[in-house]
N, C-alpha and C. Protein backbone atom coordinates (compact mmCIF):
# COMPACT_ATOMS: atom_id res chain seq x y z
N MET A 1 0.88 -1.18 0.33
CA MET A 1 -0.33 0.04 -0.19
C MET A 1 0.72 1.04 0.11
N PRO A 2 0.59 2.34 -0.85
CA PRO A 2 1.31 3.51 -1.36
C PRO A 2 1.37 4.22 0.53
N ARG A 3 2.13 4.74 0.69
CA ARG A 3 2.08 6.31 1.80
C ARG A 3 1.28 7.14 1.80
N VAL A 4 0.56 7.29 1.92
CA VAL A 4 -0.40 8.90 2.20
C VAL A 4 0.58 9.65 2.87
N LYS A 5 0.55 10.83 1.68
CA LYS A 5 1.58 11.78 1.00
C LYS A 5 1.08 12.81 2.62
N PHE A 6 2.22 13.07 3.32
CA PHE A 6 2.47 14.23 4.29
C PHE A 6 2.11 13.55 5.72
N GLN A 7 1.43 11.96 5.37
CA GLN A 7 0.94 11.15 7.30
C GLN A 7 2.08 11.60 8.29
N THR A 8 3.36 11.70 7.63
CA THR A 8 4.74 12.04 8.62
C THR A 8 5.30 12.91 7.86
N LEU A 9 6.34 14.17 8.69
CA LEU A 9 6.96 14.58 8.32
C LEU A 9 8.43 13.75 8.34
N THR A 10 9.23 14.29 7.23
CA THR A 10 10.88 14.22 7.91
C THR A 10 11.04 16.03 8.35
N GLU A 11 12.47 15.58 9.38
CA GLU A 11 13.41 16.19 9.57
C GLU A 11 13.28 18.09 8.92
N GLN A 12 13.65 18.01 7.58
CA GLN A 12 13.59 18.88 6.91
C GLN A 12 11.88 19.75 6.70
N MET A 13 11.00 18.47 6.23
CA MET A 13 9.80 19.67 6.29
C MET A 13 9.16 19.72 7.37
N PHE A 14 9.53 19.07 8.75
CA PHE A 14 8.97 19.76 9.97
C PHE A 14 9.17 21.45 10.08
N TYR A 15 10.50 21.07 9.98
CA TYR A 15 11.10 22.17 10.06
C TYR A 15 10.74 23.34 9.20
N ILE A 16 10.33 23.12 7.89
CA ILE A 16 9.74 24.05 7.14
C ILE A 16 8.94 24.66 7.34
N LEU A 17 7.59 24.21 7.88
CA LEU A 17 6.47 24.63 8.52
C LEU A 17 6.75 25.06 9.97
N LEU A 18 7.83 24.74 10.03
CA LEU A 18 7.56 25.53 11.63
C LEU A 18 8.15 27.36 11.41
N CYS A 19 9.27 27.21 10.73
CA CYS A 19 9.69 28.65 10.70
C CYS A 19 8.60 29.38 9.79
N LEU A 20 7.55 28.58 9.02
CA LEU A 20 6.36 29.34 8.26
C LEU A 20 5.59 29.66 9.68
N LYS A 21 5.74 29.58 10.44
CA LYS A 21 5.00 29.97 12.22
C LYS A 21 4.77 31.89 11.64
N GLU A 22 5.90 32.34 11.34
CA GLU A 22 5.63 33.81 11.04
C GLU A 22 6.60 33.71 9.22
N GLU A 23 5.53 34.64 8.81
CA GLU A 23 5.57 35.00 7.24
C GLU A 23 7.29 35.14 7.04
N CYS A 24 7.50 34.25 5.99
CA CYS A 24 9.12 34.48 5.45
C CYS A 24 9.41 34.15 3.91
N TYR A 25 10.32 34.71 3.36
CA TYR A 25 11.20 33.55 1.96
C TYR A 25 12.18 32.82 2.35
N GLY A 26 12.00 32.10 1.03
CA GLY A 26 12.75 30.87 0.66
C GLY A 26 14.14 30.92 1.43
N MET A 27 14.28 32.13 0.79
CA MET A 27 15.99 31.73 1.69
C MET A 27 16.03 32.37 2.98
N ASP A 28 15.32 32.96 3.39
CA ASP A 28 15.44 32.97 5.56
C ASP A 28 15.25 31.68 5.51
N ILE A 29 14.19 30.73 5.00
CA ILE A 29 14.05 29.25 5.19
C ILE A 29 15.22 28.62 5.65
N LEU A 30 16.00 29.13 4.44
CA LEU A 30 17.58 28.41 4.64
C LEU A 30 18.69 28.62 5.45
N ASP A 31 18.43 30.01 6.14
CA ASP A 31 19.13 30.47 7.40
C ASP A 31 18.45 29.89 8.26
N LYS A 32 17.68 30.12 9.17
CA LYS A 32 16.30 29.88 10.00
C LYS A 32 16.89 27.96 10.23
N VAL A 33 16.50 27.18 9.30
CA VAL A 33 16.36 25.89 9.91
C VAL A 33 17.69 25.68 10.14
N PRO A 34 19.25 25.74 10.30
CA PRO A 34 20.41 25.14 10.78
C PRO A 34 20.49 26.44 11.96
N ALA A 35 19.97 27.98 12.28
CA ALA A 35 19.64 28.56 13.16
C ALA A 35 18.59 28.06 14.22
N MET A 36 17.92 27.77 13.84
CA MET A 36 17.34 27.07 14.91
C MET A 36 17.15 25.61 15.05
N THR A 37 17.93 25.25 14.94
CA THR A 37 18.74 23.33 15.49
C THR A 37 20.04 22.97 15.57
N LYS A 38 20.78 24.36 15.42
CA LYS A 38 22.39 24.60 16.32
C LYS A 38 22.94 23.91 15.15
N GLY A 39 22.46 23.35 13.70
CA GLY A 39 23.14 23.47 12.52
C GLY A 39 22.74 21.64 12.99
N ARG A 40 22.17 21.16 13.39
CA ARG A 40 21.88 19.33 13.14
C ARG A 40 21.05 19.28 11.94
N VAL A 41 20.42 20.25 11.45
CA VAL A 41 19.60 19.96 10.53
C VAL A 41 19.78 21.04 9.51
N HIS A 42 19.60 20.36 8.34
CA HIS A 42 20.50 21.73 6.68
C HIS A 42 18.86 21.35 5.75
N VAL A 43 18.96 22.93 5.47
CA VAL A 43 17.65 22.09 4.33
C VAL A 43 18.61 22.33 2.40
N GLY A 44 18.57 21.48 1.31
CA GLY A 44 19.38 22.04 0.51
C GLY A 44 18.10 23.47 -0.25
N SER A 45 18.23 24.16 -1.34
CA SER A 45 17.65 25.08 -2.21
C SER A 45 16.58 24.11 -2.44
N GLY A 46 17.05 23.13 -3.42
CA GLY A 46 16.46 22.46 -4.29
C GLY A 46 15.03 21.68 -3.92
N THR A 47 15.35 21.10 -2.37
CA THR A 47 14.72 20.60 -1.63
C THR A 47 13.85 21.78 -0.93
N LEU A 48 13.83 22.52 0.12
CA LEU A 48 13.14 23.83 0.41
C LEU A 48 11.80 23.74 -1.08
N TYR A 49 12.66 24.15 -2.36
CA TYR A 49 11.78 24.84 -2.88
C TYR A 49 10.88 23.79 -3.91
N HIS A 50 11.31 22.59 -3.82
CA HIS A 50 10.00 21.47 -4.28
C HIS A 50 9.60 20.82 -2.74
N LEU A 51 9.30 21.21 -1.92
CA LEU A 51 8.66 21.27 -0.50
C LEU A 51 8.08 22.13 -0.44
N LEU A 52 8.29 23.21 -1.09
CA LEU A 52 7.08 24.46 -0.32
C LEU A 52 6.21 24.51 -1.86
N GLU A 53 6.53 24.17 -3.03
CA GLU A 53 5.56 23.88 -3.66
C GLU A 53 4.62 22.98 -3.51
N GLN A 54 4.73 21.79 -2.74
CA GLN A 54 3.99 20.60 -2.62
C GLN A 54 3.46 20.88 -1.25
N PHE A 55 3.62 21.88 -0.09
CA PHE A 55 3.07 22.40 0.85
C PHE A 55 2.40 23.27 0.50
N SER A 56 2.42 24.22 -0.71
CA SER A 56 0.92 24.90 -1.36
C SER A 56 0.04 24.20 -1.83
N ASP A 57 0.56 22.96 -2.34
CA ASP A 57 -0.46 22.10 -3.56
C ASP A 57 -1.71 22.11 -2.93
N ALA A 58 -1.15 21.29 -1.09
CA ALA A 58 -1.55 20.68 -0.43
C ALA A 58 -2.68 21.32 0.68
N GLY A 59 -2.32 22.76 0.41
CA GLY A 59 -2.88 24.01 1.04
C GLY A 59 -2.55 23.92 2.82
N MET A 60 -1.37 24.00 2.10
CA MET A 60 -0.64 24.02 3.98
C MET A 60 0.35 24.94 3.75
N ILE A 61 0.27 25.72 3.43
CA ILE A 61 1.34 27.23 3.37
C ILE A 61 0.56 28.15 1.93
N ARG A 62 0.40 29.48 2.03
CA ARG A 62 0.34 29.73 1.21
C ARG A 62 1.41 31.08 0.86
N GLU A 63 1.21 31.20 -0.05
CA GLU A 63 2.11 32.32 -0.60
C GLU A 63 1.33 33.90 -0.26
N THR A 64 2.79 35.00 0.05
CA THR A 64 1.94 36.37 0.55
C THR A 64 1.99 37.28 0.43
N LYS A 65 3.24 36.77 -0.84
CA LYS A 65 4.26 38.08 -1.52
C LYS A 65 5.11 37.70 -2.16
N VAL A 66 4.82 38.04 -4.07
CA VAL A 66 6.16 38.16 -4.74
C VAL A 66 6.52 39.43 -5.10
N GLU A 67 7.92 39.75 -4.87
CA GLU A 67 8.94 40.91 -5.45
C GLU A 67 9.41 39.41 -6.59
N GLY A 68 9.51 40.54 -7.74
CA GLY A 68 10.90 39.72 -8.59
C GLY A 68 10.47 38.23 -8.04
N ARG A 69 11.64 37.39 -7.87
CA ARG A 69 12.08 36.33 -7.98
C ARG A 69 11.93 35.66 -6.52
N ARG A 70 11.75 36.46 -5.73
CA ARG A 70 11.23 36.26 -3.95
C ARG A 70 9.82 36.32 -3.69
N ARG A 71 9.93 34.64 -3.23
CA ARG A 71 8.69 34.77 -2.95
C ARG A 71 8.35 34.17 -1.27
N SER A 72 7.66 35.20 -0.69
CA SER A 72 7.04 34.72 0.68
C SER A 72 5.97 34.10 0.91
N TYR A 73 6.11 33.35 1.90
CA TYR A 73 5.20 31.98 2.59
C TYR A 73 4.63 32.41 4.01
N ILE A 74 3.92 31.98 4.35
CA ILE A 74 3.29 31.57 5.42
C ILE A 74 2.48 30.00 6.23
N LEU A 75 2.03 29.97 6.53
CA LEU A 75 1.44 28.76 7.65
C LEU A 75 0.13 28.70 7.48
N THR A 76 -0.94 28.29 6.58
CA THR A 76 -2.41 27.82 7.10
C THR A 76 -2.85 27.00 8.21
N GLU A 77 -3.79 27.05 8.29
CA GLU A 77 -4.46 26.21 9.08
C GLU A 77 -3.93 24.87 9.29
N THR A 78 -4.50 24.05 7.82
CA THR A 78 -4.04 23.19 7.50
C THR A 78 -3.10 23.01 7.77
N GLY A 79 -1.95 23.34 7.45
CA GLY A 79 -0.37 23.85 7.37
C GLY A 79 0.12 22.96 9.22
N LYS A 80 -0.69 24.05 10.28
CA LYS A 80 -0.44 23.79 12.02
C LYS A 80 -1.10 22.70 11.53
N ASP A 81 -2.41 22.42 11.94
CA ASP A 81 -2.56 20.90 12.02
C ASP A 81 -2.05 20.11 11.67
N THR A 82 -0.94 20.17 10.46
CA THR A 82 -0.58 19.09 10.60
C THR A 82 1.25 18.77 11.44
N LEU A 83 1.36 20.06 11.67
CA LEU A 83 2.52 20.47 11.90
C LEU A 83 2.26 19.99 13.95
N ASP A 84 1.24 19.97 14.16
CA ASP A 84 0.69 19.82 15.51
C ASP A 84 0.69 18.04 15.90
N LYS A 85 -0.16 17.33 14.58
CA LYS A 85 0.49 16.18 14.50
C LYS A 85 1.45 15.84 14.54
N GLU A 86 2.33 16.23 13.60
CA GLU A 86 3.58 15.38 13.97
C GLU A 86 4.34 15.61 15.04
N TYR A 87 3.82 16.87 15.46
CA TYR A 87 4.53 17.67 16.92
C TYR A 87 4.10 16.00 17.86
N ARG A 88 2.84 15.82 17.89
CA ARG A 88 2.00 15.44 19.28
C ARG A 88 2.86 13.38 18.76
N ARG A 89 2.67 12.86 17.51
CA ARG A 89 3.51 11.79 16.99
C ARG A 89 5.34 11.50 17.96
N ILE A 90 6.08 12.70 17.27
CA ILE A 90 7.09 13.10 18.20
C ILE A 90 7.36 12.59 19.11
N CYS A 91 6.40 13.36 19.95
CA CYS A 91 6.77 13.58 21.67
C CYS A 91 5.94 12.51 22.35
N ALA A 92 4.75 11.18 22.00
CA ALA A 92 4.24 9.71 21.64
C ALA A 92 5.97 8.81 21.41
N GLN A 93 6.38 9.40 20.23
CA GLN A 93 7.60 8.18 20.38
C GLN A 93 8.90 8.33 21.67
N ALA A 94 8.63 9.66 21.96
CA ALA A 94 9.81 10.08 23.09
C ALA A 94 9.41 9.11 24.29
N LEU A 95 8.14 9.50 25.03
CA LEU A 95 7.45 8.25 25.42
C LEU A 95 7.52 7.12 26.21
N ASP A 96 7.52 6.93 24.22
CA ASP A 96 7.72 5.36 24.27
C ASP A 96 9.06 4.75 24.75
N TYR A 97 10.27 5.57 24.16
CA TYR A 97 11.69 5.63 24.81
C TYR A 97 11.86 5.79 26.14
N ARG A 98 11.49 6.60 26.99
CA ARG A 98 11.37 6.66 28.04
C ARG A 98 10.83 5.44 28.95
N ARG A 99 9.69 4.99 28.72
CA ARG A 99 8.84 4.03 29.20
C ARG A 99 10.09 2.75 29.27
N ILE A 100 10.77 2.39 27.78
CA ILE A 100 11.19 0.95 27.53
C ILE A 100 12.05 0.90 28.35
N TRP A 101 12.96 2.49 28.35
CA TRP A 101 13.98 2.05 29.09
C TRP A 101 14.06 2.43 30.81
N GLU A 102 13.30 2.79 31.54
CA GLU A 102 12.47 3.26 32.94
C GLU A 102 12.26 1.26 33.09
N GLU A 103 11.57 0.68 32.01
CA GLU A 103 11.52 -0.18 32.66
C GLU A 103 12.96 -1.23 32.36
N GLU A 104 13.49 -1.07 31.94
CA GLU A 104 14.54 -2.08 32.09
C GLU A 104 15.77 -1.72 33.07
N ASN A 105 15.87 -0.14 33.39
CA ASN A 105 16.38 0.30 34.03
C ASN A 105 16.20 0.97 35.45
N PRO A 106 15.37 0.17 35.57
CA PRO A 106 14.65 1.19 37.08
C PRO A 106 15.45 1.93 38.16
């Protein structure tokens, strides 16, 4: 069975959407992701612009401004719901991890 698109997010997807809590340009995202992850996560420009197009097509973000080649985006309610769902999934994984390790090492 094929995977449902955006059922889970990659790290790059998660952080791109997180950046778009506030309106910003694509180039801003390329700087913000490594800054917010202390260099742990990087997004290539090809990946970024491909994902921005997919997120826009899915209604998760919307374009807010176009200035020549520069475009700015912001998260929609659909995008926020997707981000919230992914956050809850990650938290559940962390709880499972702690529970399993605490059972083995009381």
